[in-house]
Structures are given as C-alpha cells and as structure tokens.
Amino acid sequence: MTASPDEIERRRNAAIDAIRRVHGTADDEHGATLFVSHHLDEIGDDYWIKHCGAARPDATQVLDVLVLQSHWSEDDDDGIDTFDFTLPDDATNYIISVEFDENGNVSGVSMES
C-alpha cells in the first residue's frame, strides 16, 4: 500500500483507536494496559501534571498524550506496516507498537522496548 500522507494519517488514527479499544481488556494484558500502568508507577507527578494536568491521570488521559514516534516496515524505514507510539519529551524507551496487515487493518498491539 502507498505511504501517502492520507494513508499515514488514516493508519495513525486507526492505531490510536485500536490502542484505546484494547486497553484494559484481557487480550491486552502486555500491551497498552501494561504500558499505562508501568508508566503511572514509574514517572513522577511533575511529568503528569505538565502533560495531563493531574498528578495521577487516568488511563484515558495517558493514552491521549501518546505521540507517534515512527512508522516503518520490515523492508522500508519509511513504510507503514508498523506504527510506534510513546510518551512525549523522551520520558521512556518503551513504545506501544501497532501492526497492520496487508489490507491496512490493525492486526496487533503490543508494548516494546
């Protein structure tokens, strides 16, 4: 599939929707759910106040501040098969990685480092 700006934006939105949809489900135990709980435990109040307006934000607030770090494919650094999201200001080395299938549909969400 072509990596047009419109397709990149469509996939970015689909990825964020998928992250929100799977968070807190049994199938996402080691994905977005772990990402949020880990970072709420590990990052100080000042960071959360700056980015979320609360010292202890809820999961939705954390997911709302995710930023697209990169998109890539196995064969192409500018590809669009995988979209990686993280927290702003280099707060972590962890990412939430969203994979797409050959038809452009989300096929998986995972936490990676």
PDB file of N, CA and C in Angstrom:
ATOM      1  N   MET A   1       0.842  -1.174   0.000  1.00  0.00           N
ATOM      2  CA  MET A   1       0.000   0.000   0.000  1.00  0.00           C
ATOM      3  C   MET A   1       0.890   1.240   0.000  1.00  0.00           C
ATOM      4  N   THR A   2       0.444   2.271  -0.657  1.00  0.00           N
ATOM      5  CA  THR A   2       1.211   3.501  -0.792  1.00  0.00           C
ATOM      6  C   THR A   2       1.239   4.274   0.523  1.00  0.00           C
ATOM      7  N   ALA A   3       2.406   4.822   0.842  1.00  0.00           N
ATOM      8  CA  ALA A   3       2.578   5.593   2.075  1.00  0.00           C
ATOM      9  C   ALA A   3       2.258   7.062   1.836  1.00  0.00           C
ATOM     10  N   SER A   4       1.071   7.340   1.315  1.00  0.00           N
ATOM     11  CA  SER A   4       0.654   8.725   1.080  1.00  0.00           C
ATOM     12  C   SER A   4       0.360   9.390   2.426  1.00  0.00           C
ATOM     13  N   PRO A   5       0.416  10.717   2.475  1.00  0.00           N
ATOM     14  CA  PRO A   5       0.076  11.401   3.728  1.00  0.00           C
ATOM     15  C   PRO A   5      -1.316  11.030   4.251  1.00  0.00           C
ATOM     16  N   ASP A   6      -2.279  10.854   3.347  1.00  0.00           N
ATOM     17  CA  ASP A   6      -3.629  10.483   3.773  1.00  0.00           C
ATOM     18  C   ASP A   6      -3.653   9.087   4.388  1.00  0.00           C
ATOM     19  N   GLU A   7      -2.918   8.144   3.786  1.00  0.00           N
ATOM     20  CA  GLU A   7      -2.885   6.781   4.313  1.00  0.00           C
ATOM     21  C   GLU A   7      -2.143   6.732   5.645  1.00  0.00           C
ATOM     22  N   ILE A   8      -1.088   7.504   5.772  1.00  0.00           N
ATOM     23  CA  ILE A   8      -0.363   7.566   7.048  1.00  0.00           C
ATOM     24  C   ILE A   8      -1.290   8.097   8.139  1.00  0.00           C
ATOM     25  N   GLU A   9      -2.032   9.147   7.848  1.00  0.00           N
ATOM     26  CA  GLU A   9      -2.954   9.718   8.833  1.00  0.00           C
ATOM     27  C   GLU A   9      -4.083   8.744   9.154  1.00  0.00           C
ATOM     28  N   ARG A  10      -4.605   8.058   8.146  1.00  0.00           N
ATOM     29  CA  ARG A  10      -5.663   7.071   8.381  1.00  0.00           C
ATOM     30  C   ARG A  10      -5.159   5.982   9.317  1.00  0.00           C
ATOM     31  N   ARG A  11      -3.953   5.482   9.059  1.00  0.00           N
ATOM     32  CA  ARG A  11      -3.400   4.421   9.905  1.00  0.00           C
ATOM     33  C   ARG A  11      -3.057   4.940  11.298  1.00  0.00           C
ATOM     34  N   ARG A  12      -2.573   6.161  11.398  1.00  0.00           N
ATOM     35  CA  ARG A  12      -2.287   6.733  12.722  1.00  0.00           C
ATOM     36  C   ARG A  12      -3.568   6.766  13.554  1.00  0.00           C
ATOM     37  N   ASN A  13      -4.645   7.240  12.954  1.00  0.00           N
ATOM     38  CA  ASN A  13      -5.931   7.294  13.655  1.00  0.00           C
ATOM     39  C   ASN A  13      -6.442   5.901  13.997  1.00  0.00           C
ATOM     40  N   ALA A  14      -6.312   4.958  13.065  1.00  0.00           N
ATOM     41  CA  ALA A  14      -6.742   3.583  13.321  1.00  0.00           C
ATOM     42  C   ALA A  14      -5.927   2.965  14.454  1.00  0.00           C
ATOM     43  N   ALA A  15      -4.641   3.269  14.487  1.00  0.00           N
ATOM     44  CA  ALA A  15      -3.769   2.737  15.539  1.00  0.00           C
ATOM     45  C   ALA A  15      -4.174   3.276  16.908  1.00  0.00           C
ATOM     46  N   ILE A  16      -4.392   4.580  16.995  1.00  0.00           N
ATOM     47  CA  ILE A  16      -4.812   5.183  18.268  1.00  0.00           C
ATOM     48  C   ILE A  16      -6.153   4.602  18.712  1.00  0.00           C
ATOM     49  N   ASP A  17      -7.086   4.446  17.781  1.00  0.00           N
ATOM     50  CA  ASP A  17      -8.385   3.846  18.110  1.00  0.00           C
ATOM     51  C   ASP A  17      -8.204   2.428  18.633  1.00  0.00           C
ATOM     52  N   ALA A  18      -7.328   1.652  18.007  1.00  0.00           N
ATOM     53  CA  ALA A  18      -7.080   0.275  18.435  1.00  0.00           C
ATOM     54  C   ALA A  18      -6.462   0.237  19.830  1.00  0.00           C
ATOM     55  N   ILE A  19      -5.519   1.130  20.096  1.00  0.00           N
ATOM     56  CA  ILE A  19      -4.894   1.194  21.423  1.00  0.00           C
ATOM     57  C   ILE A  19      -5.958   1.467  22.482  1.00  0.00           C
ATOM     58  N   ARG A  20      -6.821   2.425  22.225  1.00  0.00           N
ATOM     59  CA  ARG A  20      -7.881   2.762  23.189  1.00  0.00           C
ATOM     60  C   ARG A  20      -8.865   1.605  23.360  1.00  0.00           C
ATOM     61  N   ARG A  21      -9.174   0.943  22.263  1.00  0.00           N
ATOM     62  CA  ARG A  21     -10.147  -0.148  22.283  1.00  0.00           C
ATOM     63  C   ARG A  21      -9.638  -1.351  23.076  1.00  0.00           C
ATOM     64  N   VAL A  22      -8.357  -1.687  22.940  1.00  0.00           N
ATOM     65  CA  VAL A  22      -7.840  -2.886  23.615  1.00  0.00           C
ATOM     66  C   VAL A  22      -7.412  -2.627  25.052  1.00  0.00           C
ATOM     67  N   HIS A  23      -7.128  -1.369  25.397  1.00  0.00           N
ATOM     68  CA  HIS A  23      -6.659  -1.072  26.754  1.00  0.00           C
ATOM     69  C   HIS A  23      -7.651  -1.595  27.792  1.00  0.00           C
ATOM     70  N   GLY A  24      -7.126  -2.290  28.780  1.00  0.00           N
ATOM     71  CA  GLY A  24      -7.947  -2.794  29.870  1.00  0.00           C
ATOM     72  C   GLY A  24      -8.626  -4.121  29.601  1.00  0.00           C
ATOM     73  N   THR A  25      -8.435  -4.683  28.412  1.00  0.00           N
ATOM     74  CA  THR A  25      -9.038  -5.976  28.097  1.00  0.00           C
ATOM     75  C   THR A  25      -8.068  -7.105  28.433  1.00  0.00           C
ATOM     76  N   ALA A  26      -8.606  -8.305  28.589  1.00  0.00           N
ATOM     77  CA  ALA A  26      -7.770  -9.471  28.892  1.00  0.00           C
ATOM     78  C   ALA A  26      -6.763  -9.740  27.778  1.00  0.00           C
ATOM     79  N   ASP A  27      -7.138  -9.455  26.539  1.00  0.00           N
ATOM     80  CA  ASP A  27      -6.240  -9.685  25.404  1.00  0.00           C
ATOM     81  C   ASP A  27      -5.074  -8.705  25.369  1.00  0.00           C
ATOM     82  N   ASP A  28      -5.161  -7.627  26.141  1.00  0.00           N
ATOM     83  CA  ASP A  28      -4.137  -6.583  26.089  1.00  0.00           C
ATOM     84  C   ASP A  28      -3.292  -6.527  27.360  1.00  0.00           C
ATOM     85  N   GLU A  29      -3.230  -7.588  28.075  1.00  0.00           N
ATOM     86  CA  GLU A  29      -2.507  -7.616  29.347  1.00  0.00           C
ATOM     87  C   GLU A  29      -1.073  -7.097  29.239  1.00  0.00           C
ATOM     88  N   HIS A  30      -0.403  -7.377  28.122  1.00  0.00           N
ATOM     89  CA  HIS A  30       1.002  -6.994  27.959  1.00  0.00           C
ATOM     90  C   HIS A  30       1.192  -5.924  26.884  1.00  0.00           C
ATOM     91  N   GLY A  31       0.162  -5.162  26.588  1.00  0.00           N
ATOM     92  CA  GLY A  31       0.243  -4.115  25.568  1.00  0.00           C
ATOM     93  C   GLY A  31       0.024  -2.745  26.179  1.00  0.00           C
ATOM     94  N   ALA A  32      -0.990  -2.060  25.708  1.00  0.00           N
ATOM     95  CA  ALA A  32      -1.283  -0.705  26.178  1.00  0.00           C
ATOM     96  C   ALA A  32      -1.598  -0.682  27.669  1.00  0.00           C
ATOM     97  N   THR A  33      -2.230  -1.728  28.170  1.00  0.00           N
ATOM     98  CA  THR A  33      -2.575  -1.790  29.590  1.00  0.00           C
ATOM     99  C   THR A  33      -1.323  -1.787  30.455  1.00  0.00           C
ATOM    100  N   LEU A  34      -0.358  -2.618  30.106  1.00  0.00           N
ATOM    101  CA  LEU A  34       0.909  -2.653  30.837  1.00  0.00           C
ATOM    102  C   LEU A  34       1.669  -1.343  30.662  1.00  0.00           C
ATOM    103  N   PHE A  35       1.667  -0.795  29.462  1.00  0.00           N
ATOM    104  CA  PHE A  35       2.351   0.475  29.194  1.00  0.00           C
ATOM    105  C   PHE A  35       1.840   1.561  30.140  1.00  0.00           C
ATOM    106  N   VAL A  36       0.523   1.699  30.245  1.00  0.00           N
ATOM    107  CA  VAL A  36      -0.058   2.738  31.094  1.00  0.00           C
ATOM    108  C   VAL A  36       0.263   2.483  32.559  1.00  0.00           C
ATOM    109  N   SER A  37       0.009   1.282  33.052  1.00  0.00           N
ATOM    110  CA  SER A  37       0.232   1.019  34.478  1.00  0.00           C
ATOM    111  C   SER A  37       1.704   1.163  34.845  1.00  0.00           C
ATOM    112  N   HIS A  38       2.589   0.674  33.999  1.00  0.00           N
ATOM    113  CA  HIS A  38       4.030   0.791  34.254  1.00  0.00           C
ATOM    114  C   HIS A  38       4.443   2.254  34.368  1.00  0.00           C
ATOM    115  N   HIS A  39       4.005   3.074  33.433  1.00  0.00           N
ATOM    116  CA  HIS A  39       4.444   4.467  33.427  1.00  0.00           C
ATOM    117  C   HIS A  39       3.781   5.299  34.521  1.00  0.00           C
ATOM    118  N   LEU A  40       2.572   4.964  34.908  1.00  0.00           N
ATOM    119  CA  LEU A  40       1.962   5.656  36.043  1.00  0.00           C
ATOM    120  C   LEU A  40       2.743   5.376  37.323  1.00  0.00           C
ATOM    121  N   ASP A  41       3.292   4.174  37.444  1.00  0.00           N
ATOM    122  CA  ASP A  41       4.094   3.812  38.615  1.00  0.00           C
ATOM    123  C   ASP A  41       5.494   4.409  38.579  1.00  0.00           C
ATOM    124  N   GLU A  42       6.066   4.566  37.399  1.00  0.00           N
ATOM    125  CA  GLU A  42       7.480   4.918  37.264  1.00  0.00           C
ATOM    126  C   GLU A  42       7.780   6.401  37.035  1.00  0.00           C
ATOM    127  N   ILE A  43       6.835   7.145  36.508  1.00  0.00           N
ATOM    128  CA  ILE A  43       7.097   8.550  36.158  1.00  0.00           C
ATOM    129  C   ILE A  43       6.501   9.460  37.230  1.00  0.00           C
ATOM    130  N   GLY A  44       7.248  10.491  37.589  1.00  0.00           N
ATOM    131  CA  GLY A  44       6.859  11.393  38.668  1.00  0.00           C
ATOM    132  C   GLY A  44       5.669  12.285  38.362  1.00  0.00           C
ATOM    133  N   ASP A  45       5.116  12.824  39.434  1.00  0.00           N
ATOM    134  CA  ASP A  45       3.926  13.674  39.354  1.00  0.00           C
ATOM    135  C   ASP A  45       4.117  14.888  38.453  1.00  0.00           C
ATOM    136  N   ASP A  46       5.301  15.510  38.493  1.00  0.00           N
ATOM    137  CA  ASP A  46       5.531  16.720  37.698  1.00  0.00           C
ATOM    138  C   ASP A  46       5.309  16.470  36.206  1.00  0.00           C
ATOM    139  N   TYR A  47       5.742  15.319  35.720  1.00  0.00           N
ATOM    140  CA  TYR A  47       5.560  14.976  34.307  1.00  0.00           C
ATOM    141  C   TYR A  47       4.068  14.907  33.979  1.00  0.00           C
ATOM    142  N   TRP A  48       3.327  14.190  34.815  1.00  0.00           N
ATOM    143  CA  TRP A  48       1.900  14.002  34.548  1.00  0.00           C
ATOM    144  C   TRP A  48       1.138  15.319  34.667  1.00  0.00           C
ATOM    145  N   ILE A  49       1.515  16.147  35.628  1.00  0.00           N
ATOM    146  CA  ILE A  49       0.863  17.454  35.751  1.00  0.00           C
ATOM    147  C   ILE A  49       1.107  18.274  34.488  1.00  0.00           C
ATOM    148  N   LYS A  50       2.339  18.260  34.001  1.00  0.00           N
ATOM    149  CA  LYS A  50       2.675  19.018  32.789  1.00  0.00           C
ATOM    150  C   LYS A  50       1.880  18.537  31.580  1.00  0.00           C
ATOM    151  N   HIS A  51       1.771  17.229  31.410  1.00  0.00           N
ATOM    152  CA  HIS A  51       1.174  16.687  30.185  1.00  0.00           C
ATOM    153  C   HIS A  51      -0.314  16.353  30.294  1.00  0.00           C
ATOM    154  N   CYS A  52      -0.777  16.071  31.514  1.00  0.00           N
ATOM    155  CA  CYS A  52      -2.171  15.651  31.673  1.00  0.00           C
ATOM    156  C   CYS A  52      -2.979  16.550  32.596  1.00  0.00           C
ATOM    157  N   GLY A  53      -2.292  17.432  33.306  1.00  0.00           N
ATOM    158  CA  GLY A  53      -2.999  18.315  34.218  1.00  0.00           C
ATOM    159  C   GLY A  53      -3.362  17.682  35.545  1.00  0.00           C
ATOM    160  N   ALA A  54      -2.831  16.492  35.810  1.00  0.00           N
ATOM    161  CA  ALA A  54      -3.118  15.800  37.070  1.00  0.00           C
ATOM    162  C   ALA A  54      -1.896  14.989  37.482  1.00  0.00           C
ATOM    163  N   ALA A  55      -1.660  14.913  38.787  1.00  0.00           N
ATOM    164  CA  ALA A  55      -0.515  14.152  39.287  1.00  0.00           C
ATOM    165  C   ALA A  55      -0.702  12.656  39.059  1.00  0.00           C
ATOM    166  N   ARG A  56      -1.933  12.207  39.068  1.00  0.00           N
ATOM    167  CA  ARG A  56      -2.231  10.790  38.844  1.00  0.00           C
ATOM    168  C   ARG A  56      -3.352  10.703  37.804  1.00  0.00           C
ATOM    169  N   PRO A  57      -3.003  10.850  36.519  1.00  0.00           N
ATOM    170  CA  PRO A  57      -4.037  10.826  35.477  1.00  0.00           C
ATOM    171  C   PRO A  57      -4.670   9.443  35.350  1.00  0.00           C
ATOM    172  N   ASP A  58      -5.838   9.409  34.742  1.00  0.00           N
ATOM    173  CA  ASP A  58      -6.433   8.105  34.457  1.00  0.00           C
ATOM    174  C   ASP A  58      -5.871   7.588  33.133  1.00  0.00           C
ATOM    175  N   ALA A  59      -6.192   6.365  32.811  1.00  0.00           N
ATOM    176  CA  ALA A  59      -5.637   5.721  31.615  1.00  0.00           C
ATOM    177  C   ALA A  59      -5.970   6.495  30.344  1.00  0.00           C
ATOM    178  N   THR A  60      -7.178   7.009  30.245  1.00  0.00           N
ATOM    179  CA  THR A  60      -7.568   7.765  29.057  1.00  0.00           C
ATOM    180  C   THR A  60      -6.683   8.985  28.869  1.00  0.00           C
ATOM    181  N   GLN A  61      -6.375   9.676  29.949  1.00  0.00           N
ATOM    182  CA  GLN A  61      -5.507  10.851  29.863  1.00  0.00           C
ATOM    183  C   GLN A  61      -4.105  10.466  29.394  1.00  0.00           C
ATOM    184  N   VAL A  62      -3.601   9.343  29.874  1.00  0.00           N
ATOM    185  CA  VAL A  62      -2.274   8.881  29.442  1.00  0.00           C
ATOM    186  C   VAL A  62      -2.305   8.552  27.954  1.00  0.00           C
ATOM    187  N   LEU A  63      -3.312   7.820  27.519  1.00  0.00           N
ATOM    188  CA  LEU A  63      -3.408   7.452  26.102  1.00  0.00           C
ATOM    189  C   LEU A  63      -3.594   8.681  25.216  1.00  0.00           C
ATOM    190  N   ASP A  64      -4.242   9.706  25.738  1.00  0.00           N
ATOM    191  CA  ASP A  64      -4.461  10.933  24.959  1.00  0.00           C
ATOM    192  C   ASP A  64      -3.176  11.695  24.653  1.00  0.00           C
ATOM    193  N   VAL A  65      -2.124  11.495  25.437  1.00  0.00           N
ATOM    194  CA  VAL A  65      -0.880  12.242  25.196  1.00  0.00           C
ATOM    195  C   VAL A  65       0.140  11.454  24.378  1.00  0.00           C
ATOM    196  N   LEU A  66      -0.206  10.238  23.960  1.00  0.00           N
ATOM    197  CA  LEU A  66       0.727   9.465  23.136  1.00  0.00           C
ATOM    198  C   LEU A  66       1.082  10.223  21.861  1.00  0.00           C
ATOM    199  N   VAL A  67       2.329  10.102  21.466  1.00  0.00           N
ATOM    200  CA  VAL A  67       2.796  10.719  20.226  1.00  0.00           C
ATOM    201  C   VAL A  67       3.350   9.639  19.301  1.00  0.00           C
ATOM    202  N   LEU A  68       3.174   9.854  18.008  1.00  0.00           N
ATOM    203  CA  LEU A  68       3.719   8.930  17.018  1.00  0.00           C
ATOM    204  C   LEU A  68       5.229   9.116  16.970  1.00  0.00           C
ATOM    205  N   GLN A  69       5.951   8.060  17.306  1.00  0.00           N
ATOM    206  CA  GLN A  69       7.411   8.114  17.271  1.00  0.00           C
ATOM    207  C   GLN A  69       7.935   7.799  15.877  1.00  0.00           C
ATOM    208  N   SER A  70       7.342   6.776  15.242  1.00  0.00           N
ATOM    209  CA  SER A  70       7.792   6.390  13.902  1.00  0.00           C
ATOM    210  C   SER A  70       6.779   5.450  13.266  1.00  0.00           C
ATOM    211  N   HIS A  71       6.921   5.293  11.959  1.00  0.00           N
ATOM    212  CA  HIS A  71       6.198   4.241  11.239  1.00  0.00           C
ATOM    213  C   HIS A  71       7.198   3.609  10.296  1.00  0.00           C
ATOM    214  N   TRP A  72       7.080   2.295  10.127  1.00  0.00           N
ATOM    215  CA  TRP A  72       8.091   1.565   9.374  1.00  0.00           C
ATOM    216  C   TRP A  72       7.541   0.221   8.901  1.00  0.00           C
ATOM    217  N   SER A  73       8.321  -0.432   8.068  1.00  0.00           N
ATOM    218  CA  SER A  73       8.046  -1.790   7.603  1.00  0.00           C
ATOM    219  C   SER A  73       9.338  -2.578   7.688  1.00  0.00           C
ATOM    220  N   GLU A  74       9.235  -3.868   7.667  1.00  0.00           N
ATOM    221  CA  GLU A  74      10.430  -4.723   7.725  1.00  0.00           C
ATOM    222  C   GLU A  74      11.436  -4.359   6.639  1.00  0.00           C
ATOM    223  N   ASP A  75      10.943  -4.050   5.449  1.00  0.00           N
ATOM    224  CA  ASP A  75      11.826  -3.789   4.307  1.00  0.00           C
ATOM    225  C   ASP A  75      12.049  -2.309   4.019  1.00  0.00           C
ATOM    226  N   ASP A  76      11.423  -1.418   4.801  1.00  0.00           N
ATOM    227  CA  ASP A  76      11.445   0.001   4.438  1.00  0.00           C
ATOM    228  C   ASP A  76      11.270   0.859   5.690  1.00  0.00           C
ATOM    229  N   ASP A  77      12.253   1.682   6.004  1.00  0.00           N
ATOM    230  CA  ASP A  77      12.170   2.545   7.183  1.00  0.00           C
ATOM    231  C   ASP A  77      11.051   3.570   7.089  1.00  0.00           C
ATOM    232  N   ASP A  78      10.603   3.893   5.888  1.00  0.00           N
ATOM    233  CA  ASP A  78       9.505   4.837   5.707  1.00  0.00           C
ATOM    234  C   ASP A  78       8.180   4.126   5.465  1.00  0.00           C
ATOM    235  N   GLY A  79       8.139   2.830   5.725  1.00  0.00           N
ATOM    236  CA  GLY A  79       6.950   2.033   5.465  1.00  0.00           C
ATOM    237  C   GLY A  79       5.820   2.327   6.435  1.00  0.00           C
ATOM    238  N   ILE A  80       4.722   1.612   6.232  1.00  0.00           N
ATOM    239  CA  ILE A  80       3.524   1.884   7.032  1.00  0.00           C
ATOM    240  C   ILE A  80       2.904   0.610   7.603  1.00  0.00           C
ATOM    241  N   ASP A  81       3.704  -0.428   7.796  1.00  0.00           N
ATOM    242  CA  ASP A  81       3.183  -1.670   8.367  1.00  0.00           C
ATOM    243  C   ASP A  81       3.148  -1.649   9.889  1.00  0.00           C
ATOM    244  N   THR A  82       3.991  -0.833  10.516  1.00  0.00           N
ATOM    245  CA  THR A  82       4.064  -0.741  11.974  1.00  0.00           C
ATOM    246  C   THR A  82       4.140   0.727  12.380  1.00  0.00           C
ATOM    247  N   PHE A  83       3.309   1.100  13.351  1.00  0.00           N
ATOM    248  CA  PHE A  83       3.306   2.461  13.893  1.00  0.00           C
ATOM    249  C   PHE A  83       3.650   2.371  15.376  1.00  0.00           C
ATOM    250  N   ASP A  84       4.655   3.139  15.802  1.00  0.00           N
ATOM    251  CA  ASP A  84       5.121   3.122  17.182  1.00  0.00           C
ATOM    252  C   ASP A  84       4.775   4.433  17.880  1.00  0.00           C
ATOM    253  N   PHE A  85       4.144   4.316  19.044  1.00  0.00           N
ATOM    254  CA  PHE A  85       3.732   5.469  19.847  1.00  0.00           C
ATOM    255  C   PHE A  85       4.432   5.435  21.196  1.00  0.00           C
ATOM    256  N   THR A  86       4.681   6.619  21.750  1.00  0.00           N
ATOM    257  CA  THR A  86       5.323   6.719  23.052  1.00  0.00           C
ATOM    258  C   THR A  86       4.843   7.977  23.759  1.00  0.00           C
ATOM    259  N   LEU A  87       5.401   8.220  24.928  1.00  0.00           N
ATOM    260  CA  LEU A  87       5.079   9.436  25.676  1.00  0.00           C
ATOM    261  C   LEU A  87       5.943  10.593  25.195  1.00  0.00           C
ATOM    262  N   PRO A  88       5.445  11.816  25.303  1.00  0.00           N
ATOM    263  CA  PRO A  88       6.229  12.978  24.869  1.00  0.00           C
ATOM    264  C   PRO A  88       7.444  13.237  25.761  1.00  0.00           C
ATOM    265  N   ASP A  89       8.349  14.051  25.244  1.00  0.00           N
ATOM    266  CA  ASP A  89       9.539  14.524  25.963  1.00  0.00           C
ATOM    267  C   ASP A  89      10.517  13.410  26.329  1.00  0.00           C
ATOM    268  N   ASP A  90      10.608  12.387  25.510  1.00  0.00           N
ATOM    269  CA  ASP A  90      11.562  11.295  25.753  1.00  0.00           C
ATOM    270  C   ASP A  90      11.462  10.744  27.169  1.00  0.00           C
ATOM    271  N   ALA A  91      10.244  10.587  27.659  1.00  0.00           N
ATOM    272  CA  ALA A  91      10.022  10.126  29.029  1.00  0.00           C
ATOM    273  C   ALA A  91      10.331   8.647  29.217  1.00  0.00           C
ATOM    274  N   THR A  92      10.411   7.890  28.124  1.00  0.00           N
ATOM    275  CA  THR A  92      10.566   6.447  28.231  1.00  0.00           C
ATOM    276  C   THR A  92      11.214   5.877  26.977  1.00  0.00           C
ATOM    277  N   ASN A  93      11.756   4.681  27.114  1.00  0.00           N
ATOM    278  CA  ASN A  93      12.258   3.933  25.959  1.00  0.00           C
ATOM    279  C   ASN A  93      11.219   2.936  25.461  1.00  0.00           C
ATOM    280  N   TYR A  94      10.102   2.831  26.159  1.00  0.00           N
ATOM    281  CA  TYR A  94       9.054   1.895  25.770  1.00  0.00           C
ATOM    282  C   TYR A  94       8.132   2.526  24.733  1.00  0.00           C
ATOM    283  N   ILE A  95       7.558   1.661  23.907  1.00  0.00           N
ATOM    284  CA  ILE A  95       6.603   2.101  22.892  1.00  0.00           C
ATOM    285  C   ILE A  95       5.391   1.179  22.898  1.00  0.00           C
ATOM    286  N   ILE A  96       4.299   1.690  22.377  1.00  0.00           N
ATOM    287  CA  ILE A  96       3.162   0.848  22.017  1.00  0.00           C
ATOM    288  C   ILE A  96       3.239   0.716  20.508  1.00  0.00           C
ATOM    289  N   SER A  97       3.402  -0.503  20.056  1.00  0.00           N
ATOM    290  CA  SER A  97       3.583  -0.789  18.641  1.00  0.00           C
ATOM    291  C   SER A  97       2.289  -1.369  18.071  1.00  0.00           C
ATOM    292  N   VAL A  98       1.825  -0.777  16.971  1.00  0.00           N
ATOM    293  CA  VAL A  98       0.596  -1.233  16.320  1.00  0.00           C
ATOM    294  C   VAL A  98       0.965  -1.737  14.931  1.00  0.00           C
ATOM    295  N   GLU A  99       0.623  -2.991  14.663  1.00  0.00           N
ATOM    296  CA  GLU A  99       0.934  -3.606  13.370  1.00  0.00           C
ATOM    297  C   GLU A  99      -0.310  -3.650  12.497  1.00  0.00           C
ATOM    298  N   PHE A 100      -0.068  -3.500  11.192  1.00  0.00           N
ATOM    299  CA  PHE A 100      -1.134  -3.555  10.195  1.00  0.00           C
ATOM    300  C   PHE A 100      -0.905  -4.734   9.265  1.00  0.00           C
ATOM    301  N   ASP A 101      -2.006  -5.336   8.788  1.00  0.00           N
ATOM    302  CA  ASP A 101      -1.888  -6.428   7.825  1.00  0.00           C
ATOM    303  C   ASP A 101      -1.772  -5.869   6.406  1.00  0.00           C
ATOM    304  N   GLU A 102      -1.708  -6.757   5.428  1.00  0.00           N
ATOM    305  CA  GLU A 102      -1.514  -6.338   4.038  1.00  0.00           C
ATOM    306  C   GLU A 102      -2.692  -5.544   3.477  1.00  0.00           C
ATOM    307  N   ASN A 103      -3.854  -5.609   4.159  1.00  0.00           N
ATOM    308  CA  ASN A 103      -5.022  -4.845   3.729  1.00  0.00           C
ATOM    309  C   ASN A 103      -5.160  -3.507   4.450  1.00  0.00           C
ATOM    310  N   GLY A 104      -4.206  -3.197   5.327  1.00  0.00           N
ATOM    311  CA  GLY A 104      -4.246  -1.932   6.049  1.00  0.00           C
ATOM    312  C   GLY A 104      -5.084  -1.947   7.303  1.00  0.00           C
ATOM    313  N   ASN A 105      -5.418  -3.149   7.793  1.00  0.00           N
ATOM    314  CA  ASN A 105      -6.195  -3.278   9.024  1.00  0.00           C
ATOM    315  C   ASN A 105      -5.267  -3.580  10.194  1.00  0.00           C
ATOM    316  N   VAL A 106      -5.616  -3.093  11.372  1.00  0.00           N
ATOM    317  CA  VAL A 106      -4.816  -3.362  12.566  1.00  0.00           C
ATOM    318  C   VAL A 106      -4.816  -4.862  12.834  1.00  0.00           C
ATOM    319  N   SER A 107      -3.619  -5.412  13.031  1.00  0.00           N
ATOM    320  CA  SER A 107      -3.507  -6.843  13.305  1.00  0.00           C
ATOM    321  C   SER A 107      -2.921  -7.136  14.682  1.00  0.00           C
ATOM    322  N   GLY A 108      -2.424  -6.114  15.381  1.00  0.00           N
ATOM    323  CA  GLY A 108      -1.891  -6.358  16.713  1.00  0.00           C
ATOM    324  C   GLY A 108      -1.420  -5.094  17.397  1.00  0.00           C
ATOM    325  N   VAL A 109      -1.473  -5.124  18.734  1.00  0.00           N
ATOM    326  CA  VAL A 109      -0.993  -4.026  19.575  1.00  0.00           C
ATOM    327  C   VAL A 109      -0.119  -4.647  20.649  1.00  0.00           C
ATOM    328  N   SER A 110       1.090  -4.118  20.830  1.00  0.00           N
ATOM    329  CA  SER A 110       1.988  -4.663  21.844  1.00  0.00           C
ATOM    330  C   SER A 110       2.859  -3.565  22.432  1.00  0.00           C
ATOM    331  N   MET A 111       3.406  -3.846  23.612  1.00  0.00           N
ATOM    332  CA  MET A 111       4.376  -2.939  24.226  1.00  0.00           C
ATOM    333  C   MET A 111       5.761  -3.483  23.917  1.00  0.00           C
ATOM    334  N   GLU A 112       6.649  -2.603  23.489  1.00  0.00           N
ATOM    335  CA  GLU A 112       8.017  -2.989  23.128  1.00  0.00           C
ATOM    336  C   GLU A 112       8.985  -2.019  23.788  1.00  0.00           C
ATOM    337  N   SER A 113      10.250  -2.424  23.821  1.00  0.00           N
ATOM    338  CA  SER A 113      11.275  -1.509  24.336  1.00  0.00           C
ATOM    339  C   SER A 113      12.380  -1.352  23.322  1.00  0.00           C
TER     340      SER A 113
END
